[in-house]
Amino acid sequence: MTTPAETRNIGIVLFDGVEELDAVGPWEVLAFWARGFPDDGWSVSCLSRTGGPVRCAKGLLVGADHSFADAPPLDVLLHPGGRGTRPQLVDPEHLDWVRAQREAVPLMTSVCTGSLVYAAAGLLRGRPATTHWGSLDVLAELDPSIDVRPDDRFVDDGDVITSAGVSAGIDMALHLVSRLAGVERAREVRRGIQYDPQPPV
């Protein structure tokens, strides 16, 4: 049994213009795991810069559990994408915060254009990475040293994991469960959320 003091924390970044499924898809996977299997010792929460709610890209209003300043120490950080990442690419305060997380957080992950923010912060220099298909060129332009992987659903490069667009974050989150708690646990979570993609078109 894991005690509260031993609980490891996953934080999902929220911001105005975040793509809904980029954040909520991984949240569903990770929260189902954390709440359904508490003895694994993981917790997931959302954080925004001020701790206040954010308006997502398509209008959904979502609340945060913490501000950047009062978030618990994180073991995993997940940075979603969405149109709200565009101003972050030239926001020194946000990029400095991301760099500070890189120094403190063992595992940095992103969904969709969240990887553009990592690239702008210098986190992907010389690494393989991916992003939404519509932003692959931007990723390469932000840092030409990145080994852009256009065909990968997600790219695990040890202490940094990037995923492709929107729904790919669900696959990345299941991979994260598999990596942190084992393949069988990830299969239990996948079955629990009934995720078995069979597109109708």
N, C-alpha and C. Protein backbone atom coordinates (compact mmCIF):
# COMPACT_ATOMS: atom_id res chain seq x y z
N MET A 1 0.85 -1.19 0.00
CA MET A 1 0.00 0.00 0.00
C MET A 1 0.89 1.24 0.00
N THR A 2 0.62 2.15 -0.92
CA THR A 2 1.38 3.39 -1.00
C THR A 2 0.76 4.42 -0.07
N THR A 3 1.58 5.07 0.74
CA THR A 3 1.07 6.10 1.63
C THR A 3 0.98 7.43 0.88
N PRO A 4 0.14 8.37 1.37
CA PRO A 4 0.01 9.66 0.69
C PRO A 4 1.35 10.35 0.48
N ALA A 5 2.29 10.20 1.45
CA ALA A 5 3.58 10.86 1.33
C ALA A 5 4.39 10.30 0.17
N GLU A 6 4.07 9.07 -0.23
CA GLU A 6 4.81 8.42 -1.31
C GLU A 6 4.14 8.58 -2.66
N THR A 7 2.97 9.21 -2.67
CA THR A 7 2.24 9.37 -3.92
C THR A 7 3.04 10.20 -4.91
N ARG A 8 3.09 9.71 -6.14
CA ARG A 8 3.78 10.43 -7.21
C ARG A 8 2.75 11.18 -8.04
N ASN A 9 3.13 12.34 -8.53
CA ASN A 9 2.17 13.28 -9.10
C ASN A 9 2.39 13.53 -10.59
N ILE A 10 1.28 13.50 -11.32
CA ILE A 10 1.24 13.86 -12.73
C ILE A 10 0.46 15.16 -12.85
N GLY A 11 1.03 16.14 -13.51
CA GLY A 11 0.35 17.42 -13.71
C GLY A 11 0.05 17.67 -15.17
N ILE A 12 -1.17 18.06 -15.47
CA ILE A 12 -1.58 18.41 -16.82
C ILE A 12 -1.76 19.93 -16.89
N VAL A 13 -1.04 20.55 -17.80
CA VAL A 13 -1.06 22.01 -17.91
C VAL A 13 -2.33 22.45 -18.65
N LEU A 14 -2.99 23.45 -18.11
CA LEU A 14 -4.16 24.06 -18.75
C LEU A 14 -3.86 25.52 -19.06
N PHE A 15 -4.45 26.02 -20.15
CA PHE A 15 -4.26 27.42 -20.55
C PHE A 15 -5.36 27.78 -21.52
N ASP A 16 -5.66 29.05 -21.64
CA ASP A 16 -6.67 29.49 -22.59
C ASP A 16 -6.27 29.06 -24.00
N GLY A 17 -7.22 28.45 -24.70
CA GLY A 17 -6.95 27.98 -26.05
C GLY A 17 -6.39 26.58 -26.11
N VAL A 18 -6.33 25.87 -24.97
CA VAL A 18 -5.89 24.47 -25.00
C VAL A 18 -6.92 23.63 -25.76
N GLU A 19 -6.44 22.73 -26.58
CA GLU A 19 -7.35 21.82 -27.30
C GLU A 19 -7.96 20.86 -26.30
N GLU A 20 -9.29 20.79 -26.27
CA GLU A 20 -9.98 20.02 -25.24
C GLU A 20 -9.46 18.59 -25.10
N LEU A 21 -9.45 17.83 -26.18
CA LEU A 21 -9.10 16.42 -26.08
C LEU A 21 -7.62 16.21 -25.77
N ASP A 22 -6.79 17.18 -26.11
CA ASP A 22 -5.37 17.09 -25.76
C ASP A 22 -5.19 16.92 -24.26
N ALA A 23 -6.01 17.62 -23.49
CA ALA A 23 -5.92 17.55 -22.03
C ALA A 23 -6.85 16.51 -21.44
N VAL A 24 -8.10 16.47 -21.92
CA VAL A 24 -9.11 15.62 -21.30
C VAL A 24 -8.93 14.15 -21.67
N GLY A 25 -8.41 13.88 -22.89
CA GLY A 25 -8.15 12.49 -23.26
C GLY A 25 -7.14 11.84 -22.34
N PRO A 26 -5.94 12.41 -22.18
CA PRO A 26 -5.00 11.86 -21.21
C PRO A 26 -5.53 11.88 -19.78
N TRP A 27 -6.29 12.94 -19.42
CA TRP A 27 -6.87 12.99 -18.07
C TRP A 27 -7.73 11.74 -17.83
N GLU A 28 -8.57 11.38 -18.79
CA GLU A 28 -9.44 10.22 -18.62
C GLU A 28 -8.63 8.96 -18.36
N VAL A 29 -7.59 8.76 -19.16
CA VAL A 29 -6.73 7.59 -18.99
C VAL A 29 -6.06 7.60 -17.62
N LEU A 30 -5.40 8.71 -17.31
CA LEU A 30 -4.58 8.77 -16.11
C LEU A 30 -5.42 8.82 -14.83
N ALA A 31 -6.55 9.51 -14.87
CA ALA A 31 -7.41 9.57 -13.69
C ALA A 31 -8.09 8.23 -13.45
N PHE A 32 -8.50 7.54 -14.52
CA PHE A 32 -9.07 6.21 -14.35
C PHE A 32 -8.05 5.29 -13.67
N TRP A 33 -6.82 5.37 -14.13
CA TRP A 33 -5.75 4.56 -13.53
C TRP A 33 -5.52 4.94 -12.07
N ALA A 34 -5.31 6.23 -11.80
CA ALA A 34 -4.97 6.66 -10.45
C ALA A 34 -6.08 6.36 -9.46
N ARG A 35 -7.31 6.55 -9.86
CA ARG A 35 -8.43 6.34 -8.94
C ARG A 35 -8.83 4.89 -8.85
N GLY A 36 -8.68 4.16 -9.96
CA GLY A 36 -9.07 2.75 -9.97
C GLY A 36 -8.04 1.83 -9.35
N PHE A 37 -6.78 2.29 -9.31
CA PHE A 37 -5.70 1.46 -8.79
C PHE A 37 -4.83 2.30 -7.85
N PRO A 38 -5.40 2.71 -6.71
CA PRO A 38 -4.68 3.64 -5.82
C PRO A 38 -3.39 3.07 -5.26
N ASP A 39 -3.31 1.75 -5.14
CA ASP A 39 -2.09 1.16 -4.60
C ASP A 39 -0.89 1.34 -5.53
N ASP A 40 -1.14 1.71 -6.80
CA ASP A 40 -0.02 2.00 -7.69
C ASP A 40 0.70 3.28 -7.28
N GLY A 41 -0.02 4.13 -6.53
CA GLY A 41 0.64 5.28 -5.93
C GLY A 41 0.76 6.51 -6.79
N TRP A 42 -0.18 6.73 -7.71
CA TRP A 42 -0.10 7.90 -8.59
C TRP A 42 -1.33 8.78 -8.43
N SER A 43 -1.12 10.07 -8.61
CA SER A 43 -2.20 11.06 -8.57
C SER A 43 -2.06 11.95 -9.79
N VAL A 44 -3.19 12.42 -10.31
CA VAL A 44 -3.17 13.33 -11.46
C VAL A 44 -3.98 14.57 -11.13
N SER A 45 -3.47 15.72 -11.50
CA SER A 45 -4.17 16.98 -11.28
C SER A 45 -3.88 17.92 -12.43
N CYS A 46 -4.67 19.00 -12.49
CA CYS A 46 -4.49 20.00 -13.54
C CYS A 46 -4.00 21.30 -12.92
N LEU A 47 -3.14 22.01 -13.67
CA LEU A 47 -2.63 23.27 -13.18
C LEU A 47 -2.67 24.32 -14.27
N SER A 48 -3.02 25.52 -13.89
CA SER A 48 -2.97 26.67 -14.79
C SER A 48 -2.07 27.73 -14.16
N ARG A 49 -1.71 28.73 -14.92
CA ARG A 49 -0.74 29.72 -14.42
C ARG A 49 -1.22 30.34 -13.12
N THR A 50 -2.48 30.75 -13.07
CA THR A 50 -3.00 31.42 -11.87
C THR A 50 -3.78 30.50 -10.95
N GLY A 51 -4.10 29.29 -11.43
CA GLY A 51 -4.95 28.39 -10.67
C GLY A 51 -6.42 28.55 -11.01
N GLY A 52 -6.73 29.53 -11.86
CA GLY A 52 -8.11 29.77 -12.26
C GLY A 52 -8.53 28.92 -13.43
N PRO A 53 -9.81 28.97 -13.80
CA PRO A 53 -10.30 28.20 -14.94
C PRO A 53 -9.78 28.75 -16.25
N VAL A 54 -9.82 27.92 -17.28
CA VAL A 54 -9.39 28.33 -18.62
C VAL A 54 -10.52 28.06 -19.61
N ARG A 55 -10.53 28.81 -20.69
CA ARG A 55 -11.48 28.61 -21.78
C ARG A 55 -10.74 27.87 -22.89
N CYS A 56 -11.19 26.66 -23.19
CA CYS A 56 -10.50 25.81 -24.16
C CYS A 56 -10.77 26.27 -25.59
N ALA A 57 -10.10 25.63 -26.54
CA ALA A 57 -10.13 26.08 -27.93
C ALA A 57 -11.53 26.10 -28.52
N LYS A 58 -12.38 25.17 -28.13
CA LYS A 58 -13.73 25.09 -28.68
C LYS A 58 -14.79 25.56 -27.70
N GLY A 59 -14.35 26.24 -26.64
CA GLY A 59 -15.30 26.90 -25.75
C GLY A 59 -15.53 26.24 -24.41
N LEU A 60 -15.05 25.02 -24.19
CA LEU A 60 -15.25 24.36 -22.91
C LEU A 60 -14.50 25.10 -21.80
N LEU A 61 -15.19 25.34 -20.68
CA LEU A 61 -14.57 25.98 -19.53
C LEU A 61 -14.11 24.89 -18.57
N VAL A 62 -12.83 24.88 -18.24
CA VAL A 62 -12.25 23.83 -17.40
C VAL A 62 -11.51 24.46 -16.23
N GLY A 63 -11.69 23.88 -15.04
CA GLY A 63 -11.02 24.39 -13.85
C GLY A 63 -9.71 23.68 -13.60
N ALA A 64 -8.83 24.35 -12.87
CA ALA A 64 -7.54 23.78 -12.48
C ALA A 64 -7.54 23.47 -10.99
N ASP A 65 -6.74 22.49 -10.60
CA ASP A 65 -6.59 22.15 -9.19
C ASP A 65 -5.57 23.04 -8.50
N HIS A 66 -4.58 23.50 -9.28
CA HIS A 66 -3.46 24.25 -8.70
C HIS A 66 -3.03 25.36 -9.64
N SER A 67 -2.35 26.33 -9.08
CA SER A 67 -1.61 27.29 -9.89
C SER A 67 -0.22 26.71 -10.14
N PHE A 68 0.53 27.35 -11.04
CA PHE A 68 1.91 26.93 -11.25
C PHE A 68 2.69 27.03 -9.94
N ALA A 69 2.38 28.04 -9.14
CA ALA A 69 3.16 28.30 -7.93
C ALA A 69 2.87 27.30 -6.81
N ASP A 70 1.61 26.81 -6.72
CA ASP A 70 1.28 25.95 -5.58
C ASP A 70 1.07 24.49 -5.96
N ALA A 71 1.45 24.11 -7.16
CA ALA A 71 1.33 22.71 -7.58
C ALA A 71 2.28 21.85 -6.75
N PRO A 72 1.89 20.61 -6.48
CA PRO A 72 2.80 19.72 -5.74
C PRO A 72 4.01 19.39 -6.61
N PRO A 73 5.08 18.89 -6.01
CA PRO A 73 6.22 18.44 -6.81
C PRO A 73 5.77 17.37 -7.81
N LEU A 74 6.14 17.54 -9.06
CA LEU A 74 5.65 16.65 -10.11
C LEU A 74 6.69 15.62 -10.51
N ASP A 75 6.20 14.43 -10.81
CA ASP A 75 7.03 13.37 -11.38
C ASP A 75 6.86 13.28 -12.88
N VAL A 76 5.70 13.73 -13.36
CA VAL A 76 5.40 13.78 -14.79
C VAL A 76 4.65 15.06 -15.08
N LEU A 77 5.05 15.76 -16.14
CA LEU A 77 4.31 16.94 -16.60
C LEU A 77 3.82 16.66 -18.01
N LEU A 78 2.55 16.97 -18.25
CA LEU A 78 1.97 16.81 -19.58
C LEU A 78 1.53 18.18 -20.09
N HIS A 79 2.11 18.60 -21.21
CA HIS A 79 1.77 19.90 -21.81
C HIS A 79 0.94 19.64 -23.06
N PRO A 80 -0.36 19.96 -23.04
CA PRO A 80 -1.20 19.78 -24.22
C PRO A 80 -0.90 20.85 -25.28
N GLY A 81 -1.58 20.72 -26.41
CA GLY A 81 -1.46 21.70 -27.48
C GLY A 81 -2.75 22.47 -27.66
N GLY A 82 -2.91 23.02 -28.85
CA GLY A 82 -4.06 23.86 -29.15
C GLY A 82 -3.59 25.23 -29.59
N ARG A 83 -4.54 26.03 -30.06
CA ARG A 83 -4.15 27.35 -30.58
C ARG A 83 -3.53 28.23 -29.50
N GLY A 84 -3.80 27.91 -28.25
CA GLY A 84 -3.22 28.68 -27.15
C GLY A 84 -1.72 28.51 -27.01
N THR A 85 -1.15 27.52 -27.70
CA THR A 85 0.31 27.37 -27.63
C THR A 85 1.03 28.43 -28.47
N ARG A 86 0.34 29.00 -29.46
CA ARG A 86 1.03 29.96 -30.33
C ARG A 86 1.61 31.15 -29.56
N PRO A 87 0.84 31.81 -28.70
CA PRO A 87 1.45 32.90 -27.93
C PRO A 87 2.51 32.40 -26.96
N GLN A 88 2.40 31.15 -26.51
CA GLN A 88 3.40 30.63 -25.58
C GLN A 88 4.78 30.51 -26.22
N LEU A 89 4.82 30.35 -27.54
CA LEU A 89 6.10 30.19 -28.24
C LEU A 89 6.97 31.43 -28.12
N VAL A 90 6.35 32.57 -27.86
CA VAL A 90 7.10 33.83 -27.73
C VAL A 90 6.85 34.49 -26.37
N ASP A 91 6.45 33.68 -25.40
CA ASP A 91 6.16 34.18 -24.06
C ASP A 91 7.33 33.80 -23.15
N PRO A 92 8.24 34.74 -22.87
CA PRO A 92 9.42 34.39 -22.07
C PRO A 92 9.08 33.80 -20.71
N GLU A 93 8.02 34.29 -20.08
CA GLU A 93 7.65 33.80 -18.75
C GLU A 93 7.25 32.33 -18.83
N HIS A 94 6.43 31.99 -19.84
CA HIS A 94 6.00 30.60 -19.95
C HIS A 94 7.17 29.69 -20.32
N LEU A 95 8.00 30.13 -21.25
CA LEU A 95 9.14 29.30 -21.66
C LEU A 95 10.12 29.11 -20.50
N ASP A 96 10.33 30.14 -19.69
CA ASP A 96 11.19 29.99 -18.52
C ASP A 96 10.59 28.99 -17.53
N TRP A 97 9.26 29.04 -17.37
CA TRP A 97 8.61 28.08 -16.48
C TRP A 97 8.79 26.66 -16.99
N VAL A 98 8.63 26.46 -18.29
CA VAL A 98 8.83 25.12 -18.87
C VAL A 98 10.26 24.65 -18.64
N ARG A 99 11.22 25.53 -18.85
CA ARG A 99 12.63 25.16 -18.62
C ARG A 99 12.86 24.79 -17.15
N ALA A 100 12.22 25.51 -16.25
CA ALA A 100 12.36 25.20 -14.82
C ALA A 100 11.77 23.84 -14.50
N GLN A 101 10.65 23.50 -15.17
CA GLN A 101 10.07 22.17 -14.96
C GLN A 101 11.02 21.09 -15.46
N ARG A 102 11.67 21.35 -16.58
CA ARG A 102 12.63 20.38 -17.13
C ARG A 102 13.71 20.06 -16.11
N GLU A 103 14.10 21.07 -15.31
CA GLU A 103 15.13 20.88 -14.30
C GLU A 103 14.63 20.07 -13.12
N ALA A 104 13.32 20.13 -12.85
CA ALA A 104 12.78 19.52 -11.63
C ALA A 104 11.97 18.25 -11.87
N VAL A 105 11.38 18.12 -13.05
CA VAL A 105 10.43 17.03 -13.30
C VAL A 105 11.14 15.92 -14.09
N PRO A 106 11.10 14.69 -13.59
CA PRO A 106 11.83 13.61 -14.26
C PRO A 106 11.34 13.28 -15.67
N LEU A 107 10.02 13.40 -15.91
CA LEU A 107 9.47 13.00 -17.19
C LEU A 107 8.56 14.08 -17.75
N MET A 108 8.94 14.64 -18.89
CA MET A 108 8.15 15.68 -19.56
C MET A 108 7.44 15.06 -20.75
N THR A 109 6.14 15.28 -20.87
CA THR A 109 5.37 14.74 -21.98
C THR A 109 4.56 15.86 -22.63
N SER A 110 4.20 15.65 -23.89
CA SER A 110 3.38 16.65 -24.58
C SER A 110 2.41 15.95 -25.52
N VAL A 111 1.36 16.68 -25.83
CA VAL A 111 0.36 16.22 -26.81
C VAL A 111 0.24 17.30 -27.87
N CYS A 112 0.18 16.88 -29.13
CA CYS A 112 -0.09 17.79 -30.22
C CYS A 112 0.95 18.92 -30.25
N THR A 113 0.51 20.16 -30.35
CA THR A 113 1.45 21.27 -30.47
C THR A 113 2.08 21.67 -29.14
N GLY A 114 1.82 20.91 -28.08
CA GLY A 114 2.58 21.11 -26.86
C GLY A 114 4.07 20.91 -27.11
N SER A 115 4.40 20.05 -28.08
CA SER A 115 5.82 19.83 -28.39
C SER A 115 6.46 21.08 -29.00
N LEU A 116 5.66 21.94 -29.63
CA LEU A 116 6.21 23.19 -30.15
C LEU A 116 6.73 24.06 -29.01
N VAL A 117 6.01 24.06 -27.91
CA VAL A 117 6.44 24.82 -26.74
C VAL A 117 7.75 24.25 -26.21
N TYR A 118 7.83 22.94 -26.13
CA TYR A 118 9.08 22.31 -25.68
C TYR A 118 10.23 22.67 -26.62
N ALA A 119 9.93 22.67 -27.93
CA ALA A 119 10.97 23.02 -28.90
C ALA A 119 11.43 24.47 -28.71
N ALA A 120 10.47 25.37 -28.53
CA ALA A 120 10.81 26.78 -28.35
C ALA A 120 11.61 27.01 -27.06
N ALA A 121 11.38 26.14 -26.07
CA ALA A 121 12.11 26.25 -24.81
C ALA A 121 13.47 25.55 -24.86
N GLY A 122 13.76 24.88 -25.99
CA GLY A 122 15.04 24.21 -26.14
C GLY A 122 15.10 22.80 -25.59
N LEU A 123 13.96 22.23 -25.24
CA LEU A 123 13.94 20.91 -24.61
C LEU A 123 14.13 19.77 -25.59
N LEU A 124 13.91 20.02 -26.88
CA LEU A 124 13.94 18.94 -27.87
C LEU A 124 15.20 18.97 -28.72
N ARG A 125 16.17 19.75 -28.35
CA ARG A 125 17.38 19.89 -29.17
C ARG A 125 18.07 18.54 -29.37
N GLY A 126 18.21 18.14 -30.63
CA GLY A 126 18.88 16.89 -30.96
C GLY A 126 18.08 15.64 -30.66
N ARG A 127 16.79 15.79 -30.35
CA ARG A 127 15.96 14.64 -29.98
C ARG A 127 14.97 14.29 -31.08
N PRO A 128 14.48 13.04 -31.10
CA PRO A 128 13.34 12.70 -31.93
C PRO A 128 12.06 13.20 -31.28
N ALA A 129 11.12 13.67 -32.09
CA ALA A 129 9.87 14.20 -31.54
C ALA A 129 8.82 14.25 -32.64
N THR A 130 7.56 14.41 -32.21
CA THR A 130 6.47 14.57 -33.17
C THR A 130 5.49 15.61 -32.65
N THR A 131 4.50 15.91 -33.49
CA THR A 131 3.46 16.87 -33.14
C THR A 131 2.27 16.63 -34.07
N HIS A 132 1.29 17.49 -34.01
CA HIS A 132 0.16 17.40 -34.94
C HIS A 132 0.67 17.47 -36.38
N TRP A 133 0.06 16.71 -37.28
CA TRP A 133 0.57 16.64 -38.66
C TRP A 133 0.62 18.01 -39.32
N GLY A 134 -0.30 18.90 -38.92
CA GLY A 134 -0.32 20.21 -39.53
C GLY A 134 0.76 21.15 -39.03
N SER A 135 1.52 20.72 -38.01
CA SER A 135 2.56 21.57 -37.44
C SER A 135 3.94 20.94 -37.50
N LEU A 136 4.10 19.88 -38.27
CA LEU A 136 5.40 19.22 -38.37
C LEU A 136 6.46 20.18 -38.91
N ASP A 137 6.08 20.98 -39.91
CA ASP A 137 7.05 21.94 -40.47
C ASP A 137 7.45 23.00 -39.44
N VAL A 138 6.48 23.42 -38.63
CA VAL A 138 6.78 24.41 -37.60
C VAL A 138 7.76 23.83 -36.58
N LEU A 139 7.55 22.57 -36.21
CA LEU A 139 8.45 21.92 -35.27
C LEU A 139 9.88 21.93 -35.80
N ALA A 140 10.02 21.58 -37.09
CA ALA A 140 11.35 21.57 -37.70
C ALA A 140 11.96 22.96 -37.79
N GLU A 141 11.11 23.97 -38.02
CA GLU A 141 11.61 25.34 -38.12
C GLU A 141 12.04 25.89 -36.76
N LEU A 142 11.33 25.52 -35.72
CA LEU A 142 11.67 26.02 -34.39
C LEU A 142 13.05 25.54 -33.95
N ASP A 143 13.39 24.31 -34.34
CA ASP A 143 14.70 23.76 -33.98
C ASP A 143 15.09 22.72 -35.03
N PRO A 144 15.91 23.11 -36.00
CA PRO A 144 16.29 22.20 -37.08
C PRO A 144 17.04 20.96 -36.61
N SER A 145 17.51 20.95 -35.36
CA SER A 145 18.22 19.77 -34.86
C SER A 145 17.28 18.64 -34.45
N ILE A 146 15.99 18.93 -34.36
CA ILE A 146 15.02 17.91 -33.97
C ILE A 146 14.87 16.87 -35.08
N ASP A 147 14.85 15.61 -34.70
CA ASP A 147 14.56 14.51 -35.62
C ASP A 147 13.05 14.34 -35.67
N VAL A 148 12.40 15.03 -36.59
CA VAL A 148 10.94 15.05 -36.65
C VAL A 148 10.43 13.71 -37.17
N ARG A 149 9.50 13.11 -36.42
CA ARG A 149 8.95 11.81 -36.76
C ARG A 149 7.49 11.98 -37.22
N PRO A 150 7.26 12.15 -38.51
CA PRO A 150 5.92 12.47 -39.00
C PRO A 150 4.92 11.32 -38.92
N ASP A 151 5.42 10.09 -38.86
CA ASP A 151 4.51 8.93 -38.92
C ASP A 151 4.28 8.27 -37.56
N ASP A 152 4.90 8.78 -36.51
CA ASP A 152 4.78 8.15 -35.20
C ASP A 152 3.60 8.72 -34.43
N ARG A 153 2.84 7.83 -33.80
CA ARG A 153 1.72 8.25 -32.96
C ARG A 153 2.25 8.96 -31.71
N PHE A 154 3.33 8.45 -31.16
CA PHE A 154 4.05 9.12 -30.09
C PHE A 154 5.51 8.69 -30.16
N VAL A 155 6.37 9.50 -29.55
CA VAL A 155 7.81 9.23 -29.56
C VAL A 155 8.30 9.26 -28.11
N ASP A 156 8.78 8.11 -27.63
CA ASP A 156 9.33 8.01 -26.28
C ASP A 156 10.85 8.10 -26.38
N ASP A 157 11.40 9.20 -25.88
CA ASP A 157 12.85 9.39 -25.90
C ASP A 157 13.39 9.45 -24.48
N GLY A 158 12.90 8.55 -23.65
CA GLY A 158 13.40 8.44 -22.28
C GLY A 158 12.73 9.40 -21.33
N ASP A 159 13.34 10.57 -21.11
CA ASP A 159 12.78 11.52 -20.17
C ASP A 159 11.88 12.56 -20.84
N VAL A 160 11.65 12.40 -22.14
CA VAL A 160 10.71 13.25 -22.88
C VAL A 160 9.89 12.37 -23.81
N ILE A 161 8.57 12.52 -23.73
CA ILE A 161 7.66 11.82 -24.64
C ILE A 161 6.80 12.86 -25.34
N THR A 162 6.77 12.83 -26.66
CA THR A 162 5.89 13.71 -27.42
C THR A 162 4.89 12.86 -28.18
N SER A 163 3.70 13.40 -28.41
CA SER A 163 2.72 12.65 -29.19
C SER A 163 2.17 13.51 -30.31
N ALA A 164 1.57 12.86 -31.27
CA ALA A 164 0.95 13.55 -32.39
C ALA A 164 -0.34 14.22 -31.92
N GLY A 165 -1.21 14.58 -32.84
CA GLY A 165 -2.32 15.45 -32.52
C GLY A 165 -3.50 14.83 -31.81
N VAL A 166 -4.10 15.60 -30.96
CA VAL A 166 -5.41 15.42 -30.35
C VAL A 166 -5.61 14.02 -29.77
N SER A 167 -6.24 13.11 -30.51
CA SER A 167 -6.55 11.78 -29.95
C SER A 167 -5.31 10.96 -29.69
N ALA A 168 -4.18 11.31 -30.31
CA ALA A 168 -2.94 10.57 -30.05
C ALA A 168 -2.52 10.69 -28.60
N GLY A 169 -2.99 11.71 -27.91
CA GLY A 169 -2.67 11.84 -26.49
C GLY A 169 -3.21 10.70 -25.66
N ILE A 170 -4.33 10.10 -26.09
CA ILE A 170 -4.87 8.94 -25.38
C ILE A 170 -3.90 7.78 -25.49
N ASP A 171 -3.39 7.55 -26.70
CA ASP A 171 -2.43 6.48 -26.91
C ASP A 171 -1.16 6.73 -26.09
N MET A 172 -0.69 7.96 -26.09
CA MET A 172 0.50 8.29 -25.32
C MET A 172 0.27 8.06 -23.84
N ALA A 173 -0.92 8.43 -23.34
CA ALA A 173 -1.21 8.25 -21.92
C ALA A 173 -1.27 6.77 -21.55
N LEU A 174 -1.82 5.95 -22.42
CA LEU A 174 -1.83 4.51 -22.16
C LEU A 174 -0.41 3.96 -22.17
N HIS A 175 0.42 4.46 -23.07
CA HIS A 175 1.83 4.08 -23.07
C HIS A 175 2.49 4.48 -21.76
N LEU A 176 2.12 5.65 -21.25
CA LEU A 176 2.67 6.13 -19.99
C LEU A 176 2.28 5.19 -18.85
N VAL A 177 1.02 4.76 -18.82
CA VAL A 177 0.59 3.79 -17.80
C VAL A 177 1.39 2.50 -17.93
N SER A 178 1.56 2.04 -19.16
CA SER A 178 2.34 0.82 -19.39
C SER A 178 3.77 0.98 -18.89
N ARG A 179 4.34 2.10 -19.15
CA ARG A 179 5.73 2.35 -18.74
C ARG A 179 5.86 2.45 -17.23
N LEU A 180 4.89 3.08 -16.57
CA LEU A 180 4.99 3.34 -15.14
C LEU A 180 4.41 2.23 -14.28
N ALA A 181 3.48 1.45 -14.83
CA ALA A 181 2.81 0.42 -14.01
C ALA A 181 2.70 -0.93 -14.70
N GLY A 182 3.19 -1.05 -15.92
CA GLY A 182 3.19 -2.35 -16.58
C GLY A 182 2.12 -2.47 -17.66
N VAL A 183 2.40 -3.37 -18.59
CA VAL A 183 1.51 -3.57 -19.75
C VAL A 183 0.13 -4.04 -19.30
N GLU A 184 0.08 -4.95 -18.33
CA GLU A 184 -1.22 -5.48 -17.92
C GLU A 184 -2.09 -4.38 -17.32
N ARG A 185 -1.49 -3.49 -16.55
CA ARG A 185 -2.27 -2.38 -15.98
C ARG A 185 -2.81 -1.48 -17.09
N ALA A 186 -1.97 -1.21 -18.08
CA ALA A 186 -2.43 -0.39 -19.20
C ALA A 186 -3.59 -1.06 -19.92
N ARG A 187 -3.54 -2.37 -20.06
CA ARG A 187 -4.64 -3.09 -20.71
C ARG A 187 -5.91 -2.99 -19.87
N GLU A 188 -5.76 -3.05 -18.55
CA GLU A 188 -6.93 -2.90 -17.68
C GLU A 188 -7.54 -1.52 -17.82
N VAL A 189 -6.71 -0.51 -17.89
CA VAL A 189 -7.20 0.85 -18.06
C VAL A 189 -7.88 1.01 -19.42
N ARG A 190 -7.25 0.50 -20.46
CA ARG A 190 -7.83 0.60 -21.81
C ARG A 190 -9.21 -0.06 -21.84
N ARG A 191 -9.32 -1.22 -21.22
CA ARG A 191 -10.62 -1.89 -21.18
C ARG A 191 -11.61 -1.09 -20.34
N GLY A 192 -11.12 -0.53 -19.24
CA GLY A 192 -12.00 0.22 -18.35
C GLY A 192 -12.62 1.42 -19.00
N ILE A 193 -11.86 2.11 -19.85
CA ILE A 193 -12.41 3.28 -20.56
C ILE A 193 -13.00 2.87 -21.92
N GLN A 194 -12.99 1.59 -22.20
CA GLN A 194 -13.51 1.03 -23.44
C GLN A 194 -12.94 1.75 -24.66
N TYR A 195 -11.63 1.81 -24.68
CA TYR A 195 -10.93 2.45 -25.80
C TYR A 195 -10.43 1.37 -26.74
N ASP A 196 -11.09 1.25 -27.86
CA ASP A 196 -10.75 0.24 -28.86
C ASP A 196 -11.08 0.82 -30.22
N PRO A 197 -10.23 1.70 -30.71
CA PRO A 197 -10.57 2.50 -31.90
C PRO A 197 -10.90 1.66 -33.13
N GLN A 198 -12.07 1.88 -33.64
CA GLN A 198 -12.51 1.30 -34.91
C GLN A 198 -13.28 2.38 -35.65
N PRO A 199 -12.57 3.29 -36.31
CA PRO A 199 -13.25 4.44 -36.92
C PRO A 199 -14.35 4.01 -37.88
N PRO A 200 -15.48 4.72 -37.84
CA PRO A 200 -16.62 4.36 -38.70
C PRO A 200 -16.44 4.79 -40.14
N VAL A 201 -15.44 5.60 -40.44
CA VAL A 201 -15.23 6.07 -41.82
C VAL A 201 -13.79 5.87 -42.22
